[in-house]
Amino acid sequence: MMRNVDWIGWLATAVFLVSYFTGQPQSLRRVQGVAAGLWAVYGALIHSLPVIVANILVASVAVGSSFRKTRPSVSPP
């Protein structure tokens, strides 16, 4: 039987899968950050500190890295 909060975990899974269909690396990281945020909410609802902490870290890195300016690739001389 599915618990009432399980739909958040399923939604997080769906959002994570959608991230692979984004066209830009920045979009992929932002969508994955949203998915990790949903997983953190799910972790809070099920009282799982490892799920909360891990996904807050992942969401922070994913979203934060999506705003970094990329350096143009330089080919060796």
N, C-alpha and C. Protein backbone atom coordinates (compact mmCIF):
# COMPACT_ATOMS: atom_id res chain seq x y z
N MET A 1 0.84 -1.18 0.00
CA MET A 1 0.00 0.00 0.00
C MET A 1 0.89 1.25 0.00
N MET A 2 0.53 2.21 -0.81
CA MET A 2 1.32 3.44 -0.94
C MET A 2 0.91 4.43 0.16
N ARG A 3 1.95 5.00 0.79
CA ARG A 3 1.68 6.03 1.79
C ARG A 3 1.30 7.33 1.10
N ASN A 4 0.66 8.22 1.82
CA ASN A 4 0.22 9.50 1.25
C ASN A 4 1.39 10.34 0.72
N VAL A 5 2.57 10.21 1.32
CA VAL A 5 3.70 11.03 0.90
C VAL A 5 4.49 10.41 -0.25
N ASP A 6 4.21 9.17 -0.58
CA ASP A 6 4.97 8.50 -1.64
C ASP A 6 4.86 9.20 -2.99
N TRP A 7 3.76 9.89 -3.24
CA TRP A 7 3.60 10.57 -4.53
C TRP A 7 4.69 11.61 -4.73
N ILE A 8 5.22 12.18 -3.65
CA ILE A 8 6.30 13.17 -3.79
C ILE A 8 7.57 12.47 -4.30
N GLY A 9 7.85 11.29 -3.80
CA GLY A 9 8.99 10.52 -4.30
C GLY A 9 8.83 10.16 -5.77
N TRP A 10 7.62 9.77 -6.15
CA TRP A 10 7.38 9.45 -7.56
C TRP A 10 7.49 10.69 -8.44
N LEU A 11 7.01 11.81 -7.93
CA LEU A 11 7.14 13.06 -8.68
C LEU A 11 8.61 13.44 -8.85
N ALA A 12 9.39 13.29 -7.78
CA ALA A 12 10.82 13.57 -7.85
C ALA A 12 11.50 12.68 -8.89
N THR A 13 11.11 11.42 -8.93
CA THR A 13 11.66 10.50 -9.93
C THR A 13 11.32 10.96 -11.34
N ALA A 14 10.07 11.35 -11.55
CA ALA A 14 9.64 11.81 -12.87
C ALA A 14 10.39 13.08 -13.29
N VAL A 15 10.56 14.02 -12.37
CA VAL A 15 11.27 15.27 -12.68
C VAL A 15 12.72 14.95 -13.02
N PHE A 16 13.34 14.05 -12.27
CA PHE A 16 14.72 13.65 -12.56
C PHE A 16 14.84 13.05 -13.95
N LEU A 17 13.91 12.20 -14.32
CA LEU A 17 13.94 11.59 -15.66
C LEU A 17 13.75 12.64 -16.75
N VAL A 18 12.89 13.60 -16.52
CA VAL A 18 12.65 14.68 -17.50
C VAL A 18 13.93 15.47 -17.74
N SER A 19 14.78 15.58 -16.73
CA SER A 19 16.02 16.37 -16.87
C SER A 19 16.89 15.87 -18.02
N TYR A 20 16.80 14.58 -18.34
CA TYR A 20 17.61 14.03 -19.42
C TYR A 20 17.12 14.43 -20.81
N PHE A 21 15.97 15.04 -20.88
CA PHE A 21 15.43 15.50 -22.15
C PHE A 21 15.62 17.00 -22.36
N THR A 22 16.34 17.64 -21.45
CA THR A 22 16.62 19.07 -21.62
C THR A 22 17.75 19.24 -22.62
N GLY A 23 17.77 20.38 -23.29
CA GLY A 23 18.75 20.60 -24.34
C GLY A 23 20.06 21.22 -23.89
N GLN A 24 20.05 21.88 -22.77
CA GLN A 24 21.24 22.60 -22.31
C GLN A 24 21.73 22.02 -20.99
N PRO A 25 23.05 22.00 -20.77
CA PRO A 25 23.59 21.51 -19.49
C PRO A 25 23.05 22.30 -18.29
N GLN A 26 22.88 23.61 -18.46
CA GLN A 26 22.37 24.41 -17.34
C GLN A 26 20.94 23.98 -16.99
N SER A 27 20.14 23.73 -18.00
CA SER A 27 18.76 23.29 -17.76
C SER A 27 18.74 21.93 -17.07
N LEU A 28 19.60 21.02 -17.52
CA LEU A 28 19.67 19.70 -16.91
C LEU A 28 19.97 19.82 -15.43
N ARG A 29 20.95 20.65 -15.07
CA ARG A 29 21.32 20.79 -13.65
C ARG A 29 20.21 21.46 -12.85
N ARG A 30 19.53 22.42 -13.43
CA ARG A 30 18.44 23.09 -12.70
C ARG A 30 17.28 22.15 -12.46
N VAL A 31 16.92 21.38 -13.47
CA VAL A 31 15.82 20.43 -13.31
C VAL A 31 16.21 19.35 -12.31
N GLN A 32 17.45 18.88 -12.37
CA GLN A 32 17.90 17.89 -11.39
C GLN A 32 17.93 18.49 -9.99
N GLY A 33 18.24 19.79 -9.89
CA GLY A 33 18.19 20.47 -8.59
C GLY A 33 16.78 20.49 -8.03
N VAL A 34 15.81 20.74 -8.89
CA VAL A 34 14.41 20.72 -8.45
C VAL A 34 14.03 19.31 -7.99
N ALA A 35 14.45 18.31 -8.74
CA ALA A 35 14.15 16.92 -8.36
C ALA A 35 14.77 16.59 -7.01
N ALA A 36 16.02 17.01 -6.81
CA ALA A 36 16.67 16.75 -5.52
C ALA A 36 15.95 17.50 -4.40
N GLY A 37 15.46 18.68 -4.70
CA GLY A 37 14.68 19.42 -3.70
C GLY A 37 13.42 18.66 -3.31
N LEU A 38 12.77 18.07 -4.31
CA LEU A 38 11.58 17.26 -4.02
C LEU A 38 11.95 16.03 -3.18
N TRP A 39 13.09 15.42 -3.49
CA TRP A 39 13.54 14.29 -2.69
C TRP A 39 13.82 14.71 -1.25
N ALA A 40 14.36 15.92 -1.07
CA ALA A 40 14.62 16.43 0.28
C ALA A 40 13.30 16.61 1.04
N VAL A 41 12.29 17.14 0.36
CA VAL A 41 10.96 17.30 0.98
C VAL A 41 10.42 15.92 1.36
N TYR A 42 10.55 14.97 0.46
CA TYR A 42 10.11 13.61 0.75
C TYR A 42 10.85 13.06 1.97
N GLY A 43 12.16 13.28 2.02
CA GLY A 43 12.95 12.83 3.16
C GLY A 43 12.46 13.44 4.46
N ALA A 44 12.10 14.73 4.41
CA ALA A 44 11.59 15.38 5.61
C ALA A 44 10.27 14.77 6.05
N LEU A 45 9.42 14.47 5.08
CA LEU A 45 8.11 13.89 5.42
C LEU A 45 8.20 12.49 5.99
N ILE A 46 9.23 11.74 5.57
CA ILE A 46 9.39 10.39 6.11
C ILE A 46 10.41 10.35 7.25
N HIS A 47 10.88 11.53 7.66
CA HIS A 47 11.81 11.66 8.79
C HIS A 47 13.11 10.90 8.56
N SER A 48 13.71 11.10 7.37
CA SER A 48 14.96 10.43 7.03
C SER A 48 16.06 11.48 6.82
N LEU A 49 16.86 11.67 7.86
CA LEU A 49 17.92 12.69 7.79
C LEU A 49 18.92 12.43 6.65
N PRO A 50 19.35 11.20 6.39
CA PRO A 50 20.27 10.99 5.27
C PRO A 50 19.68 11.42 3.92
N VAL A 51 18.40 11.15 3.71
CA VAL A 51 17.75 11.55 2.45
C VAL A 51 17.68 13.07 2.36
N ILE A 52 17.37 13.72 3.46
CA ILE A 52 17.28 15.18 3.49
C ILE A 52 18.64 15.80 3.18
N VAL A 53 19.66 15.42 3.94
CA VAL A 53 20.98 16.03 3.80
C VAL A 53 21.57 15.76 2.42
N ALA A 54 21.52 14.52 1.98
CA ALA A 54 22.10 14.18 0.67
C ALA A 54 21.46 14.99 -0.44
N ASN A 55 20.16 15.13 -0.41
CA ASN A 55 19.48 15.81 -1.50
C ASN A 55 19.57 17.33 -1.41
N ILE A 56 19.70 17.87 -0.22
CA ILE A 56 19.96 19.31 -0.11
C ILE A 56 21.33 19.61 -0.70
N LEU A 57 22.31 18.76 -0.41
CA LEU A 57 23.66 18.95 -0.99
C LEU A 57 23.62 18.84 -2.51
N VAL A 58 22.94 17.82 -3.02
CA VAL A 58 22.86 17.62 -4.47
C VAL A 58 22.13 18.80 -5.12
N ALA A 59 21.02 19.23 -4.53
CA ALA A 59 20.26 20.35 -5.10
C ALA A 59 21.11 21.62 -5.12
N SER A 60 21.83 21.87 -4.04
CA SER A 60 22.67 23.07 -3.96
C SER A 60 23.76 23.07 -5.02
N VAL A 61 24.43 21.95 -5.17
CA VAL A 61 25.51 21.86 -6.16
C VAL A 61 24.94 21.93 -7.58
N ALA A 62 23.85 21.24 -7.82
CA ALA A 62 23.26 21.23 -9.16
C ALA A 62 22.81 22.62 -9.58
N VAL A 63 22.06 23.28 -8.72
CA VAL A 63 21.56 24.61 -9.07
C VAL A 63 22.70 25.62 -9.09
N GLY A 64 23.57 25.57 -8.10
CA GLY A 64 24.71 26.49 -8.06
C GLY A 64 25.60 26.37 -9.28
N SER A 65 25.89 25.15 -9.69
CA SER A 65 26.76 24.96 -10.85
C SER A 65 26.08 25.37 -12.14
N SER A 66 24.77 25.43 -12.15
CA SER A 66 24.07 25.83 -13.37
C SER A 66 24.22 27.32 -13.66
N PHE A 67 24.64 28.09 -12.67
CA PHE A 67 24.81 29.52 -12.85
C PHE A 67 26.26 29.92 -13.10
N ARG A 68 27.18 28.95 -13.02
CA ARG A 68 28.59 29.26 -13.32
C ARG A 68 28.76 29.55 -14.79
N LYS A 69 29.61 30.50 -15.05
CA LYS A 69 29.92 30.78 -16.46
C LYS A 69 30.88 29.70 -16.93
N THR A 70 30.60 29.20 -18.10
CA THR A 70 31.48 28.17 -18.67
C THR A 70 32.61 28.86 -19.41
N ARG A 71 33.75 28.29 -19.30
CA ARG A 71 34.91 28.82 -20.02
C ARG A 71 34.95 28.20 -21.40
N PRO A 72 35.31 28.99 -22.39
CA PRO A 72 35.43 28.39 -23.72
C PRO A 72 36.54 27.35 -23.72
N SER A 73 36.30 26.26 -24.39
CA SER A 73 37.32 25.22 -24.43
C SER A 73 38.46 25.69 -25.34
N VAL A 74 39.65 25.41 -24.87
CA VAL A 74 40.84 25.81 -25.58
C VAL A 74 41.53 24.55 -26.08
N SER A 75 41.80 24.51 -27.36
CA SER A 75 42.50 23.34 -27.88
C SER A 75 44.00 23.55 -27.70
N PRO A 76 44.71 22.48 -27.48
CA PRO A 76 46.17 22.59 -27.28
C PRO A 76 46.83 23.11 -28.56
N PRO A 77 47.91 23.87 -28.39
CA PRO A 77 48.59 24.42 -29.58
C PRO A 77 49.24 23.37 -30.44
